[in-house]
């Protein structure tokens, strides 16, 4: 079971909502190259509110993701896309169900 995660909150600048949505769709390609990222979800909560949730087996995997390509892209495009820098909250997971996981 993954023990570590991030909950990331994004607010798009007015007029940039579709660009943020596409940014998050495109970010999946970067995440696909991270073997330590076990689960990654990006989603929209409202017209300008977006979130990411991701999960990792180890603290090292979580830290590698935090310092990885998605973070680089967030920093590179933050002024263009977001009303404020995204809030990145580390979380410790209590329970999870993933595909292929056997429960005993």
PDB file of N, CA and C in Angstrom:
ATOM      1  N   UNK A   1       0.836  -1.181   0.000  1.00  0.00           N
ATOM      2  CA  UNK A   1       0.000   0.000   0.000  1.00  0.00           C
ATOM      3  C   UNK A   1       0.881   1.244   0.000  1.00  0.00           C
ATOM      4  N   UNK A   2       0.545   2.231  -0.831  1.00  0.00           N
ATOM      5  CA  UNK A   2       1.297   3.484  -0.766  1.00  0.00           C
ATOM      6  C   UNK A   2       1.052   4.179   0.566  1.00  0.00           C
ATOM      7  N   UNK A   3       2.087   4.772   1.088  1.00  0.00           N
ATOM      8  CA  UNK A   3       1.996   5.440   2.385  1.00  0.00           C
ATOM      9  C   UNK A   3       2.063   6.959   2.303  1.00  0.00           C
ATOM     10  N   UNK A   4       2.490   7.483   1.161  1.00  0.00           N
ATOM     11  CA  UNK A   4       2.759   8.912   1.033  1.00  0.00           C
ATOM     12  C   UNK A   4       2.021   9.491  -0.165  1.00  0.00           C
ATOM     13  N   UNK A   5       1.698  10.775  -0.073  1.00  0.00           N
ATOM     14  CA  UNK A   5       1.022  11.414  -1.186  1.00  0.00           C
ATOM     15  C   UNK A   5       1.181  12.916  -1.164  1.00  0.00           C
ATOM     16  N   UNK A   6       0.599  13.539  -2.166  1.00  0.00           N
ATOM     17  CA  UNK A   6       0.474  14.995  -2.234  1.00  0.00           C
ATOM     18  C   UNK A   6      -0.954  15.325  -2.630  1.00  0.00           C
ATOM     19  N   UNK A   7      -1.452  16.411  -2.084  1.00  0.00           N
ATOM     20  CA  UNK A   7      -2.698  17.021  -2.513  1.00  0.00           C
ATOM     21  C   UNK A   7      -2.319  18.430  -2.949  1.00  0.00           C
ATOM     22  N   UNK A   8      -2.541  18.737  -4.227  1.00  0.00           N
ATOM     23  CA  UNK A   8      -2.089  20.003  -4.795  1.00  0.00           C
ATOM     24  C   UNK A   8      -3.299  20.797  -5.273  1.00  0.00           C
ATOM     25  N   UNK A   9      -3.363  22.063  -4.896  1.00  0.00           N
ATOM     26  CA  UNK A   9      -4.491  22.922  -5.226  1.00  0.00           C
ATOM     27  C   UNK A   9      -4.054  24.029  -6.178  1.00  0.00           C
ATOM     28  N   UNK A  10      -4.775  24.159  -7.299  1.00  0.00           N
ATOM     29  CA  UNK A  10      -4.495  25.153  -8.319  1.00  0.00           C
ATOM     30  C   UNK A  10      -5.719  26.043  -8.513  1.00  0.00           C
ATOM     31  N   UNK A  11      -5.489  27.312  -8.700  1.00  0.00           N
ATOM     32  CA  UNK A  11      -6.530  28.247  -9.115  1.00  0.00           C
ATOM     33  C   UNK A  11      -6.040  28.933 -10.380  1.00  0.00           C
ATOM     34  N   UNK A  12      -6.809  28.812 -11.449  1.00  0.00           N
ATOM     35  CA  UNK A  12      -6.435  29.405 -12.728  1.00  0.00           C
ATOM     36  C   UNK A  12      -6.676  30.908 -12.727  1.00  0.00           C
ATOM     37  N   UNK A  13      -5.815  31.609 -13.431  1.00  0.00           N
ATOM     38  CA  UNK A  13      -6.062  33.029 -13.677  1.00  0.00           C
ATOM     39  C   UNK A  13      -7.302  33.148 -14.558  1.00  0.00           C
ATOM     40  N   UNK A  14      -8.031  34.251 -14.432  1.00  0.00           N
ATOM     41  CA  UNK A  14      -9.186  34.449 -15.314  1.00  0.00           C
ATOM     42  C   UNK A  14      -8.765  34.350 -16.783  1.00  0.00           C
ATOM     43  N   UNK A  15      -9.530  33.578 -17.536  1.00  0.00           N
ATOM     44  CA  UNK A  15      -9.235  33.380 -18.946  1.00  0.00           C
ATOM     45  C   UNK A  15      -8.233  32.281 -19.232  1.00  0.00           C
ATOM     46  N   UNK A  16      -7.636  31.699 -18.193  1.00  0.00           N
ATOM     47  CA  UNK A  16      -6.616  30.650 -18.364  1.00  0.00           C
ATOM     48  C   UNK A  16      -7.119  29.266 -17.954  1.00  0.00           C
ATOM     49  N   UNK A  17      -8.410  29.151 -17.701  1.00  0.00           N
ATOM     50  CA  UNK A  17      -8.966  27.887 -17.207  1.00  0.00           C
ATOM     51  C   UNK A  17      -8.709  26.724 -18.172  1.00  0.00           C
ATOM     52  N   UNK A  18      -8.947  26.922 -19.444  1.00  0.00           N
ATOM     53  CA  UNK A  18      -8.716  25.851 -20.419  1.00  0.00           C
ATOM     54  C   UNK A  18      -7.234  25.527 -20.548  1.00  0.00           C
ATOM     55  N   UNK A  19      -6.390  26.532 -20.408  1.00  0.00           N
ATOM     56  CA  UNK A  19      -4.940  26.299 -20.465  1.00  0.00           C
ATOM     57  C   UNK A  19      -4.467  25.475 -19.275  1.00  0.00           C
ATOM     58  N   UNK A  20      -5.022  25.735 -18.100  1.00  0.00           N
ATOM     59  CA  UNK A  20      -4.660  24.942 -16.923  1.00  0.00           C
ATOM     60  C   UNK A  20      -5.134  23.503 -17.100  1.00  0.00           C
ATOM     61  N   UNK A  21      -6.341  23.324 -17.590  1.00  0.00           N
ATOM     62  CA  UNK A  21      -6.844  21.965 -17.835  1.00  0.00           C
ATOM     63  C   UNK A  21      -5.916  21.223 -18.795  1.00  0.00           C
ATOM     64  N   UNK A  22      -5.498  21.865 -19.869  1.00  0.00           N
ATOM     65  CA  UNK A  22      -4.592  21.211 -20.822  1.00  0.00           C
ATOM     66  C   UNK A  22      -3.220  20.965 -20.201  1.00  0.00           C
ATOM     67  N   UNK A  23      -2.751  21.889 -19.390  1.00  0.00           N
ATOM     68  CA  UNK A  23      -1.488  21.715 -18.680  1.00  0.00           C
ATOM     69  C   UNK A  23      -1.511  20.432 -17.859  1.00  0.00           C
ATOM     70  N   UNK A  24      -2.612  20.211 -17.151  1.00  0.00           N
ATOM     71  CA  UNK A  24      -2.727  19.015 -16.312  1.00  0.00           C
ATOM     72  C   UNK A  24      -2.853  17.744 -17.151  1.00  0.00           C
ATOM     73  N   UNK A  25      -3.546  17.802 -18.251  1.00  0.00           N
ATOM     74  CA  UNK A  25      -3.616  16.648 -19.161  1.00  0.00           C
ATOM     75  C   UNK A  25      -2.218  16.323 -19.681  1.00  0.00           C
ATOM     76  N   UNK A  26      -1.495  17.339 -20.110  1.00  0.00           N
ATOM     77  CA  UNK A  26      -0.147  17.135 -20.642  1.00  0.00           C
ATOM     78  C   UNK A  26       0.833  16.649 -19.574  1.00  0.00           C
ATOM     79  N   UNK A  27       0.629  17.037 -18.320  1.00  0.00           N
ATOM     80  CA  UNK A  27       1.533  16.636 -17.235  1.00  0.00           C
ATOM     81  C   UNK A  27       1.545  15.130 -17.031  1.00  0.00           C
ATOM     82  N   UNK A  28       0.482  14.445 -17.403  1.00  0.00           N
ATOM     83  CA  UNK A  28       0.435  12.994 -17.228  1.00  0.00           C
ATOM     84  C   UNK A  28       1.586  12.299 -17.945  1.00  0.00           C
ATOM     85  N   UNK A  29       1.972  12.790 -19.109  1.00  0.00           N
ATOM     86  CA  UNK A  29       3.092  12.209 -19.839  1.00  0.00           C
ATOM     87  C   UNK A  29       4.369  12.265 -19.006  1.00  0.00           C
ATOM     88  N   UNK A  30       4.575  13.355 -18.298  1.00  0.00           N
ATOM     89  CA  UNK A  30       5.754  13.483 -17.436  1.00  0.00           C
ATOM     90  C   UNK A  30       5.678  12.510 -16.271  1.00  0.00           C
ATOM     91  N   UNK A  31       4.496  12.374 -15.697  1.00  0.00           N
ATOM     92  CA  UNK A  31       4.304  11.471 -14.558  1.00  0.00           C
ATOM     93  C   UNK A  31       4.467  10.010 -14.983  1.00  0.00           C
ATOM     94  N   UNK A  32       4.056   9.693 -16.212  1.00  0.00           N
ATOM     95  CA  UNK A  32       4.201   8.324 -16.719  1.00  0.00           C
ATOM     96  C   UNK A  32       5.656   7.857 -16.686  1.00  0.00           C
ATOM     97  N   UNK A  33       6.598   8.771 -16.753  1.00  0.00           N
ATOM     98  CA  UNK A  33       8.021   8.426 -16.751  1.00  0.00           C
ATOM     99  C   UNK A  33       8.591   8.282 -15.338  1.00  0.00           C
ATOM    100  N   UNK A  34       7.760   8.427 -14.323  1.00  0.00           N
ATOM    101  CA  UNK A  34       8.213   8.334 -12.926  1.00  0.00           C
ATOM    102  C   UNK A  34       7.809   6.983 -12.337  1.00  0.00           C
ATOM    103  N   UNK A  35       8.724   6.053 -12.247  1.00  0.00           N
ATOM    104  CA  UNK A  35       8.355   4.732 -11.725  1.00  0.00           C
ATOM    105  C   UNK A  35       7.889   4.753 -10.266  1.00  0.00           C
ATOM    106  N   UNK A  36       8.301   5.743  -9.504  1.00  0.00           N
ATOM    107  CA  UNK A  36       7.919   5.817  -8.099  1.00  0.00           C
ATOM    108  C   UNK A  36       6.552   6.424  -7.840  1.00  0.00           C
ATOM    109  N   UNK A  37       5.924   6.985  -8.868  1.00  0.00           N
ATOM    110  CA  UNK A  37       4.579   7.537  -8.710  1.00  0.00           C
ATOM    111  C   UNK A  37       3.587   6.421  -9.002  1.00  0.00           C
ATOM    112  N   UNK A  38       2.948   5.911  -7.953  1.00  0.00           N
ATOM    113  CA  UNK A  38       2.050   4.754  -8.078  1.00  0.00           C
ATOM    114  C   UNK A  38       0.675   5.128  -8.605  1.00  0.00           C
ATOM    115  N   UNK A  39       0.195   6.296  -8.213  1.00  0.00           N
ATOM    116  CA  UNK A  39      -1.122   6.770  -8.659  1.00  0.00           C
ATOM    117  C   UNK A  39      -1.036   8.278  -8.805  1.00  0.00           C
ATOM    118  N   UNK A  40      -1.719   8.794  -9.829  1.00  0.00           N
ATOM    119  CA  UNK A  40      -1.714  10.236 -10.091  1.00  0.00           C
ATOM    120  C   UNK A  40      -3.039  10.601 -10.729  1.00  0.00           C
ATOM    121  N   UNK A  41      -3.708  11.572 -10.136  1.00  0.00           N
ATOM    122  CA  UNK A  41      -4.997  12.024 -10.632  1.00  0.00           C
ATOM    123  C   UNK A  41      -4.984  13.547 -10.701  1.00  0.00           C
ATOM    124  N   UNK A  42      -5.433  14.097 -11.816  1.00  0.00           N
ATOM    125  CA  UNK A  42      -5.687  15.533 -11.881  1.00  0.00           C
ATOM    126  C   UNK A  42      -7.175  15.698 -12.161  1.00  0.00           C
ATOM    127  N   UNK A  43      -7.775  16.709 -11.547  1.00  0.00           N
ATOM    128  CA  UNK A  43      -9.211  16.888 -11.714  1.00  0.00           C
ATOM    129  C   UNK A  43      -9.608  18.339 -11.518  1.00  0.00           C
ATOM    130  N   UNK A  44     -10.802  18.636 -11.983  1.00  0.00           N
ATOM    131  CA  UNK A  44     -11.360  19.985 -11.920  1.00  0.00           C
ATOM    132  C   UNK A  44     -12.485  19.987 -10.898  1.00  0.00           C
ATOM    133  N   UNK A  45     -12.472  20.975 -10.002  1.00  0.00           N
ATOM    134  CA  UNK A  45     -13.535  21.113  -8.998  1.00  0.00           C
ATOM    135  C   UNK A  45     -14.581  22.140  -9.384  1.00  0.00           C
ATOM    136  N   UNK A  46     -14.201  23.080 -10.194  1.00  0.00           N
ATOM    137  CA  UNK A  46     -15.103  24.142 -10.609  1.00  0.00           C
ATOM    138  C   UNK A  46     -14.507  24.868 -11.788  1.00  0.00           C
ATOM    139  N   UNK A  47     -15.090  25.964 -12.180  1.00  0.00           N
ATOM    140  CA  UNK A  47     -14.621  26.649 -13.387  1.00  0.00           C
ATOM    141  C   UNK A  47     -13.126  26.981 -13.376  1.00  0.00           C
ATOM    142  N   UNK A  48     -12.594  27.387 -12.220  1.00  0.00           N
ATOM    143  CA  UNK A  48     -11.186  27.790 -12.172  1.00  0.00           C
ATOM    144  C   UNK A  48     -10.374  27.013 -11.136  1.00  0.00           C
ATOM    145  N   UNK A  49     -10.979  26.021 -10.493  1.00  0.00           N
ATOM    146  CA  UNK A  49     -10.315  25.263  -9.428  1.00  0.00           C
ATOM    147  C   UNK A  49      -9.930  23.870  -9.907  1.00  0.00           C
ATOM    148  N   UNK A  50      -8.658  23.540  -9.720  1.00  0.00           N
ATOM    149  CA  UNK A  50      -8.108  22.259 -10.155  1.00  0.00           C
ATOM    150  C   UNK A  50      -7.315  21.646  -9.016  1.00  0.00           C
ATOM    151  N   UNK A  51      -7.184  20.318  -9.052  1.00  0.00           N
ATOM    152  CA  UNK A  51      -6.428  19.610  -8.018  1.00  0.00           C
ATOM    153  C   UNK A  51      -5.647  18.461  -8.646  1.00  0.00           C
ATOM    154  N   UNK A  52      -4.589  18.052  -7.924  1.00  0.00           N
ATOM    155  CA  UNK A  52      -3.856  16.819  -8.213  1.00  0.00           C
ATOM    156  C   UNK A  52      -3.787  16.045  -6.911  1.00  0.00           C
ATOM    157  N   UNK A  53      -3.968  14.738  -7.025  1.00  0.00           N
ATOM    158  CA  UNK A  53      -3.666  13.825  -5.918  1.00  0.00           C
ATOM    159  C   UNK A  53      -2.748  12.763  -6.477  1.00  0.00           C
ATOM    160  N   UNK A  54      -1.675  12.481  -5.760  1.00  0.00           N
ATOM    161  CA  UNK A  54      -0.779  11.412  -6.179  1.00  0.00           C
ATOM    162  C   UNK A  54      -0.295  10.627  -4.970  1.00  0.00           C
ATOM    163  N   UNK A  55       0.199   9.400  -5.240  1.00  0.00           N
ATOM    164  CA  UNK A  55       0.575   8.489  -4.160  1.00  0.00           C
ATOM    165  C   UNK A  55       1.904   7.808  -4.471  1.00  0.00           C
ATOM    166  N   UNK A  56       2.648   7.513  -3.384  1.00  0.00           N
ATOM    167  CA  UNK A  56       3.999   6.969  -3.484  1.00  0.00           C
ATOM    168  C   UNK A  56       4.221   5.928  -2.395  1.00  0.00           C
ATOM    169  N   UNK A  57       5.071   4.970  -2.680  1.00  0.00           N
ATOM    170  CA  UNK A  57       5.408   3.925  -1.707  1.00  0.00           C
ATOM    171  C   UNK A  57       6.347   4.448  -0.623  1.00  0.00           C
ATOM    172  N   UNK A  58       7.308   5.287  -1.021  1.00  0.00           N
ATOM    173  CA  UNK A  58       8.330   5.744  -0.076  1.00  0.00           C
ATOM    174  C   UNK A  58       8.414   7.268  -0.058  1.00  0.00           C
ATOM    175  N   UNK A  59       8.986   7.767   0.993  1.00  0.00           N
ATOM    176  CA  UNK A  59       9.241   9.206   1.099  1.00  0.00           C
ATOM    177  C   UNK A  59      10.216   9.649   0.004  1.00  0.00           C
ATOM    178  N   UNK A  60      11.162   8.790  -0.340  1.00  0.00           N
ATOM    179  CA  UNK A  60      12.127   9.111  -1.388  1.00  0.00           C
ATOM    180  C   UNK A  60      11.427   9.289  -2.746  1.00  0.00           C
ATOM    181  N   UNK A  61      10.453   8.413  -3.042  1.00  0.00           N
ATOM    182  CA  UNK A  61       9.695   8.549  -4.284  1.00  0.00           C
ATOM    183  C   UNK A  61       8.890   9.844  -4.291  1.00  0.00           C
ATOM    184  N   UNK A  62       8.303  10.182  -3.149  1.00  0.00           N
ATOM    185  CA  UNK A  62       7.530  11.427  -3.061  1.00  0.00           C
ATOM    186  C   UNK A  62       8.442  12.630  -3.273  1.00  0.00           C
ATOM    187  N   UNK A  63       9.602  12.605  -2.678  1.00  0.00           N
ATOM    188  CA  UNK A  63      10.545  13.715  -2.825  1.00  0.00           C
ATOM    189  C   UNK A  63      11.052  13.819  -4.264  1.00  0.00           C
ATOM    190  N   UNK A  64      11.313  12.674  -4.909  1.00  0.00           N
ATOM    191  CA  UNK A  64      11.754  12.690  -6.309  1.00  0.00           C
ATOM    192  C   UNK A  64      10.682  13.327  -7.192  1.00  0.00           C
ATOM    193  N   UNK A  65       9.430  12.997  -6.936  1.00  0.00           N
ATOM    194  CA  UNK A  65       8.333  13.604  -7.708  1.00  0.00           C
ATOM    195  C   UNK A  65       8.264  15.110  -7.443  1.00  0.00           C
ATOM    196  N   UNK A  66       8.398  15.501  -6.197  1.00  0.00           N
ATOM    197  CA  UNK A  66       8.328  16.917  -5.832  1.00  0.00           C
ATOM    198  C   UNK A  66       9.392  17.729  -6.561  1.00  0.00           C
ATOM    199  N   UNK A  67      10.547  17.126  -6.790  1.00  0.00           N
ATOM    200  CA  UNK A  67      11.646  17.819  -7.457  1.00  0.00           C
ATOM    201  C   UNK A  67      11.701  17.518  -8.960  1.00  0.00           C
ATOM    202  N   UNK A  68      10.676  16.856  -9.499  1.00  0.00           N
ATOM    203  CA  UNK A  68      10.702  16.358 -10.862  1.00  0.00           C
ATOM    204  C   UNK A  68      10.201  17.318 -11.929  1.00  0.00           C
ATOM    205  N   UNK A  69       9.899  16.747 -13.078  1.00  0.00           N
ATOM    206  CA  UNK A  69       9.542  17.502 -14.281  1.00  0.00           C
ATOM    207  C   UNK A  69       8.213  18.261 -14.147  1.00  0.00           C
ATOM    208  N   UNK A  70       7.236  17.675 -13.453  1.00  0.00           N
ATOM    209  CA  UNK A  70       5.961  18.386 -13.295  1.00  0.00           C
ATOM    210  C   UNK A  70       6.184  19.663 -12.488  1.00  0.00           C
ATOM    211  N   UNK A  71       6.952  19.560 -11.416  1.00  0.00           N
ATOM    212  CA  UNK A  71       7.265  20.748 -10.596  1.00  0.00           C
ATOM    213  C   UNK A  71       7.981  21.793 -11.444  1.00  0.00           C
ATOM    214  N   UNK A  72       8.920  21.364 -12.272  1.00  0.00           N
ATOM    215  CA  UNK A  72       9.624  22.297 -13.151  1.00  0.00           C
ATOM    216  C   UNK A  72       8.642  23.039 -14.059  1.00  0.00           C
ATOM    217  N   UNK A  73       7.678  22.326 -14.605  1.00  0.00           N
ATOM    218  CA  UNK A  73       6.692  22.946 -15.494  1.00  0.00           C
ATOM    219  C   UNK A  73       5.759  23.875 -14.728  1.00  0.00           C
ATOM    220  N   UNK A  74       5.384  23.479 -13.511  1.00  0.00           N
ATOM    221  CA  UNK A  74       4.553  24.358 -12.678  1.00  0.00           C
ATOM    222  C   UNK A  74       5.288  25.669 -12.429  1.00  0.00           C
ATOM    223  N   UNK A  75       6.551  25.581 -12.039  1.00  0.00           N
ATOM    224  CA  UNK A  75       7.323  26.793 -11.764  1.00  0.00           C
ATOM    225  C   UNK A  75       7.508  27.633 -13.023  1.00  0.00           C
ATOM    226  N   UNK A  76       7.754  26.986 -14.159  1.00  0.00           N
ATOM    227  CA  UNK A  76       7.994  27.718 -15.401  1.00  0.00           C
ATOM    228  C   UNK A  76       6.754  28.470 -15.873  1.00  0.00           C
ATOM    229  N   UNK A  77       5.570  27.938 -15.587  1.00  0.00           N
ATOM    230  CA  UNK A  77       4.339  28.531 -16.121  1.00  0.00           C
ATOM    231  C   UNK A  77       3.434  29.152 -15.057  1.00  0.00           C
ATOM    232  N   UNK A  78       3.897  29.195 -13.822  1.00  0.00           N
ATOM    233  CA  UNK A  78       3.064  29.677 -12.719  1.00  0.00           C
ATOM    234  C   UNK A  78       2.540  31.091 -12.961  1.00  0.00           C
ATOM    235  N   UNK A  79       3.395  32.007 -13.343  1.00  0.00           N
ATOM    236  CA  UNK A  79       2.954  33.401 -13.542  1.00  0.00           C
ATOM    237  C   UNK A  79       1.943  33.520 -14.664  1.00  0.00           C
ATOM    238  N   UNK A  80       2.079  32.679 -15.675  1.00  0.00           N
ATOM    239  CA  UNK A  80       1.173  32.708 -16.828  1.00  0.00           C
ATOM    240  C   UNK A  80      -0.201  32.131 -16.506  1.00  0.00           C
ATOM    241  N   UNK A  81      -0.233  31.011 -15.748  1.00  0.00           N
ATOM    242  CA  UNK A  81      -1.458  30.225 -15.610  1.00  0.00           C
ATOM    243  C   UNK A  81      -2.225  30.399 -14.308  1.00  0.00           C
ATOM    244  N   UNK A  82      -1.529  30.607 -13.203  1.00  0.00           N
ATOM    245  CA  UNK A  82      -2.153  30.488 -11.889  1.00  0.00           C
ATOM    246  C   UNK A  82      -2.298  31.833 -11.187  1.00  0.00           C
ATOM    247  N   UNK A  83      -3.416  31.992 -10.461  1.00  0.00           N
ATOM    248  CA  UNK A  83      -3.646  33.239  -9.730  1.00  0.00           C
ATOM    249  C   UNK A  83      -2.716  33.350  -8.521  1.00  0.00           C
ATOM    250  N   UNK A  84      -2.240  32.221  -8.018  1.00  0.00           N
ATOM    251  CA  UNK A  84      -1.232  32.150  -6.953  1.00  0.00           C
ATOM    252  C   UNK A  84      -0.477  30.844  -7.158  1.00  0.00           C
ATOM    253  N   UNK A  85       0.718  30.759  -6.599  1.00  0.00           N
ATOM    254  CA  UNK A  85       1.466  29.511  -6.749  1.00  0.00           C
ATOM    255  C   UNK A  85       0.656  28.380  -6.112  1.00  0.00           C
ATOM    256  N   UNK A  86       0.575  27.227  -6.776  1.00  0.00           N
ATOM    257  CA  UNK A  86      -0.222  26.121  -6.237  1.00  0.00           C
ATOM    258  C   UNK A  86       0.193  25.736  -4.815  1.00  0.00           C
ATOM    259  N   UNK A  87      -0.787  25.354  -4.027  1.00  0.00           N
ATOM    260  CA  UNK A  87      -0.540  24.868  -2.673  1.00  0.00           C
ATOM    261  C   UNK A  87      -0.270  23.371  -2.746  1.00  0.00           C
ATOM    262  N   UNK A  88       0.915  22.966  -2.294  1.00  0.00           N
ATOM    263  CA  UNK A  88       1.333  21.563  -2.331  1.00  0.00           C
ATOM    264  C   UNK A  88       1.373  21.056  -0.892  1.00  0.00           C
ATOM    265  N   UNK A  89       0.470  20.129  -0.570  1.00  0.00           N
ATOM    266  CA  UNK A  89       0.364  19.612   0.789  1.00  0.00           C
ATOM    267  C   UNK A  89       0.761  18.140   0.817  1.00  0.00           C
ATOM    268  N   UNK A  90       1.838  17.783   1.532  1.00  0.00           N
ATOM    269  CA  UNK A  90       2.164  16.372   1.691  1.00  0.00           C
ATOM    270  C   UNK A  90       1.126  15.714   2.603  1.00  0.00           C
ATOM    271  N   UNK A  91       0.749  14.484   2.266  1.00  0.00           N
ATOM    272  CA  UNK A  91      -0.205  13.742   3.093  1.00  0.00           C
ATOM    273  C   UNK A  91       0.343  12.348   3.367  1.00  0.00           C
ATOM    274  N   UNK A  92      -0.064  11.784   4.486  1.00  0.00           N
ATOM    275  CA  UNK A  92       0.253  10.404   4.820  1.00  0.00           C
ATOM    276  C   UNK A  92      -1.029   9.595   4.650  1.00  0.00           C
ATOM    277  N   UNK A  93      -0.962   8.573   3.824  1.00  0.00           N
ATOM    278  CA  UNK A  93      -2.151   7.801   3.491  1.00  0.00           C
ATOM    279  C   UNK A  93      -2.476   6.791   4.582  1.00  0.00           C
ATOM    280  N   UNK A  94      -3.756   6.613   4.834  1.00  0.00           N
ATOM    281  CA  UNK A  94      -4.231   5.683   5.849  1.00  0.00           C
ATOM    282  C   UNK A  94      -4.716   4.373   5.246  1.00  0.00           C
ATOM    283  N   UNK A  95      -5.294   4.437   4.061  1.00  0.00           N
ATOM    284  CA  UNK A  95      -5.813   3.244   3.388  1.00  0.00           C
ATOM    285  C   UNK A  95      -5.868   3.541   1.895  1.00  0.00           C
ATOM    286  N   UNK A  96      -5.766   2.492   1.092  1.00  0.00           N
ATOM    287  CA  UNK A  96      -5.813   2.665  -0.360  1.00  0.00           C
ATOM    288  C   UNK A  96      -6.262   1.375  -1.018  1.00  0.00           C
ATOM    289  N   UNK A  97      -6.848   1.516  -2.197  1.00  0.00           N
ATOM    290  CA  UNK A  97      -7.153   0.376  -3.051  1.00  0.00           C
ATOM    291  C   UNK A  97      -6.652   0.730  -4.437  1.00  0.00           C
ATOM    292  N   UNK A  98      -5.773  -0.093  -4.959  1.00  0.00           N
ATOM    293  CA  UNK A  98      -5.202   0.121  -6.281  1.00  0.00           C
ATOM    294  C   UNK A  98      -5.474  -1.091  -7.163  1.00  0.00           C
ATOM    295  N   UNK A  99      -5.503  -0.911  -8.471  1.00  0.00           N
ATOM    296  CA  UNK A  99      -5.707  -2.053  -9.371  1.00  0.00           C
ATOM    297  C   UNK A  99      -4.641  -3.121  -9.133  1.00  0.00           C
ATOM    298  N   UNK A 100      -5.073  -4.379  -9.177  1.00  0.00           N
ATOM    299  CA  UNK A 100      -4.143  -5.491  -9.004  1.00  0.00           C
ATOM    300  C   UNK A 100      -3.730  -5.765  -7.577  1.00  0.00           C
ATOM    301  N   UNK A 101      -4.243  -4.992  -6.659  1.00  0.00           N
ATOM    302  CA  UNK A 101      -3.878  -5.157  -5.250  1.00  0.00           C
ATOM    303  C   UNK A 101      -4.720  -6.266  -4.638  1.00  0.00           C
ATOM    304  N   UNK A 102      -4.064  -7.224  -3.986  1.00  0.00           N
ATOM    305  CA  UNK A 102      -4.747  -8.335  -3.353  1.00  0.00           C
ATOM    306  C   UNK A 102      -4.961  -7.998  -1.882  1.00  0.00           C
ATOM    307  N   UNK A 103      -6.185  -8.161  -1.423  1.00  0.00           N
ATOM    308  CA  UNK A 103      -6.515  -7.915  -0.015  1.00  0.00           C
ATOM    309  C   UNK A 103      -6.605  -9.249   0.699  1.00  0.00           C
ATOM    310  N   UNK A 104      -5.920  -9.334   1.815  1.00  0.00           N
ATOM    311  CA  UNK A 104      -5.958 -10.575   2.596  1.00  0.00           C
ATOM    312  C   UNK A 104      -6.741 -10.401   3.865  1.00  0.00           C
TER     313      UNK A 104
END
